[in-house]
Structures are given as structure tokens and as C-alpha cells.
Amino acid sequence: MAAARQRGAYTGRKPALITEQAVEVRRRAAAGEKKAALAKEYGISRETVYSYLHAETVPS
């Protein structure tokens, strides 16, 4: 896999949300919106919402 990464053939999975969406999810969750409602709106799981909330940096 390391050789494939160097060639650019293996880039991994795309993020569920773009950076702007991740920032918006964090802002809205901090404002008190329910995580389940945010997950449903963005078409992701609650676990993914929590991943974005607990990440040190916004996944790119």
C-alpha cells in the first residue's frame, strides 16, 4: 500500500462532509441542535457526526 500511496493510486476513502459542512455541523451542535437531526440532514450516521465533533482538526 505504501508504494501505491506514493504513486497516488491509493488515496483512501473520501470524507463524508466537505470542510464547510463539517464546520457547520460543529457550530450547530455547539448551539444545541440534536446530533440525530444533523446526521439525518447531512445523510451521515450519528457516529460520523460524533467523529467530526471529537476530531482535533476538521477532516479534509
C-alpha atoms as a PDB file:
ATOM      1  CA  MET A   1       0.000   0.000   0.000  1.00  0.00           C
ATOM      2  CA  ALA A   2       2.866   2.395   0.721  1.00  0.00           C
ATOM      3  CA  ALA A   3       4.093   2.145  -2.863  1.00  0.00           C
ATOM      4  CA  ALA A   4       0.574   2.684  -4.171  1.00  0.00           C
ATOM      5  CA  ARG A   5       0.181   5.783  -1.978  1.00  0.00           C
ATOM      6  CA  GLN A   6       3.414   7.214  -3.361  1.00  0.00           C
ATOM      7  CA  ARG A   7       2.092   6.711  -6.898  1.00  0.00           C
ATOM      8  CA  GLY A   8      -1.181   8.320  -5.903  1.00  0.00           C
ATOM      9  CA  ALA A   9      -3.128   5.158  -6.695  1.00  0.00           C
ATOM     10  CA  TYR A  10      -4.312   4.654  -3.124  1.00  0.00           C
ATOM     11  CA  THR A  11      -5.840   7.731  -1.597  1.00  0.00           C
ATOM     12  CA  GLY A  12      -8.252   6.230   0.908  1.00  0.00           C
ATOM     13  CA  ARG A  13     -11.908   6.942   1.442  1.00  0.00           C
ATOM     14  CA  LYS A  14     -13.347  10.350   0.670  1.00  0.00           C
ATOM     15  CA  PRO A  15     -14.567  12.341   3.669  1.00  0.00           C
ATOM     16  CA  ALA A  16     -18.300  12.234   4.361  1.00  0.00           C
ATOM     17  CA  LEU A  17     -18.519  16.022   4.565  1.00  0.00           C
ATOM     18  CA  ILE A  18     -16.631  18.852   2.923  1.00  0.00           C
ATOM     19  CA  THR A  19     -14.784  21.225   5.231  1.00  0.00           C
ATOM     20  CA  GLU A  20     -17.534  23.851   5.219  1.00  0.00           C
ATOM     21  CA  GLN A  21     -20.155  21.258   6.144  1.00  0.00           C
ATOM     22  CA  ALA A  22     -18.007  19.912   8.976  1.00  0.00           C
ATOM     23  CA  VAL A  23     -17.590  23.418  10.380  1.00  0.00           C
ATOM     24  CA  GLU A  24     -21.354  23.960  10.112  1.00  0.00           C
ATOM     25  CA  VAL A  25     -22.094  20.665  11.904  1.00  0.00           C
ATOM     26  CA  ARG A  26     -19.752  21.648  14.746  1.00  0.00           C
ATOM     27  CA  ARG A  27     -21.291  25.118  15.042  1.00  0.00           C
ATOM     28  CA  ARG A  28     -24.866  23.821  15.037  1.00  0.00           C
ATOM     29  CA  ALA A  29     -24.097  21.035  17.528  1.00  0.00           C
ATOM     30  CA  ALA A  30     -22.473  23.591  19.839  1.00  0.00           C
ATOM     31  CA  ALA A  31     -25.652  25.677  19.550  1.00  0.00           C
ATOM     32  CA  GLY A  32     -27.626  22.723  20.904  1.00  0.00           C
ATOM     33  CA  GLU A  33     -29.091  21.057  17.829  1.00  0.00           C
ATOM     34  CA  LYS A  34     -29.661  17.324  18.152  1.00  0.00           C
ATOM     35  CA  LYS A  35     -26.970  15.148  16.664  1.00  0.00           C
ATOM     36  CA  ALA A  36     -29.533  12.759  15.165  1.00  0.00           C
ATOM     37  CA  ALA A  37     -31.209  15.641  13.304  1.00  0.00           C
ATOM     38  CA  LEU A  38     -27.864  16.826  11.954  1.00  0.00           C
ATOM     39  CA  ALA A  39     -26.973  13.302  10.839  1.00  0.00           C
ATOM     40  CA  LYS A  40     -30.279  12.897   9.028  1.00  0.00           C
ATOM     41  CA  GLU A  41     -29.958  16.278   7.305  1.00  0.00           C
ATOM     42  CA  TYR A  42     -26.424  15.591   6.058  1.00  0.00           C
ATOM     43  CA  GLY A  43     -27.088  11.940   5.183  1.00  0.00           C
ATOM     44  CA  ILE A  44     -24.500  10.547   7.585  1.00  0.00           C
ATOM     45  CA  SER A  45     -24.665   8.425  10.731  1.00  0.00           C
ATOM     46  CA  ARG A  46     -24.702   9.811  14.269  1.00  0.00           C
ATOM     47  CA  GLU A  47     -21.350   8.117  14.799  1.00  0.00           C
ATOM     48  CA  THR A  48     -19.925  10.138  11.909  1.00  0.00           C
ATOM     49  CA  VAL A  49     -21.319  13.337  13.429  1.00  0.00           C
ATOM     50  CA  TYR A  50     -19.573  12.484  16.697  1.00  0.00           C
ATOM     51  CA  SER A  51     -16.358  11.744  14.801  1.00  0.00           C
ATOM     52  CA  TYR A  52     -16.428  15.235  13.340  1.00  0.00           C
ATOM     53  CA  LEU A  53     -17.222  16.749  16.731  1.00  0.00           C
ATOM     54  CA  HIS A  54     -14.402  14.947  18.522  1.00  0.00           C
ATOM     55  CA  ALA A  55     -11.756  15.349  15.814  1.00  0.00           C
ATOM     56  CA  GLU A  56      -8.862  17.643  16.707  1.00  0.00           C
ATOM     57  CA  THR A  57      -8.906  19.071  13.199  1.00  0.00           C
ATOM     58  CA  VAL A  58     -11.561  19.041  10.549  1.00  0.00           C
ATOM     59  CA  PRO A  59     -11.001  16.018   8.275  1.00  0.00           C
ATOM     60  CA  SER A  60     -10.181  17.059   4.741  1.00  0.00           C
END
